[in-house]
Amino acid sequence: GTGNYGRYDNQTVFDLVDQLDATPITDEAGMKSIISQIQAIQLQDVPMIPLWYNGVWAQMNTANWTNWPSSADGAPKYYPATWNGYWNMGAVLMLTELKPVAAQ
């Protein structure tokens, strides 16, 4: 699936999203410019209005790995989430914080 659950259809926005995808992450001004254009169009189009926030849920098992994200002081705060079948950067960073359980 594409993740376009609202069936939004605006070729100008789609082209801007492609431009954003091709913009280097270090080009903050370029990214802001493209995102501003997308926002201006979508504020006019109003493709959908979410009625609730879809939170991020995850389950962990500490049998083999520890240091999972949690609200505890000093614990990692990266979200172990996937979107459209791909791990987001927070999930990748979460993996770098895991520690193996000591052998018993």
Foldseek 3Di string as FASTA:
>chain_A
DPPPVLPDDDVVLVVLVVVLVVDDPVPVVSNVVSVVVNVVVCVVVVSDDDPDDDDADDDDDPPFKDLAADPDPPGDPQGLDDDPPHTDVSNVVRVVRIDTDDDD
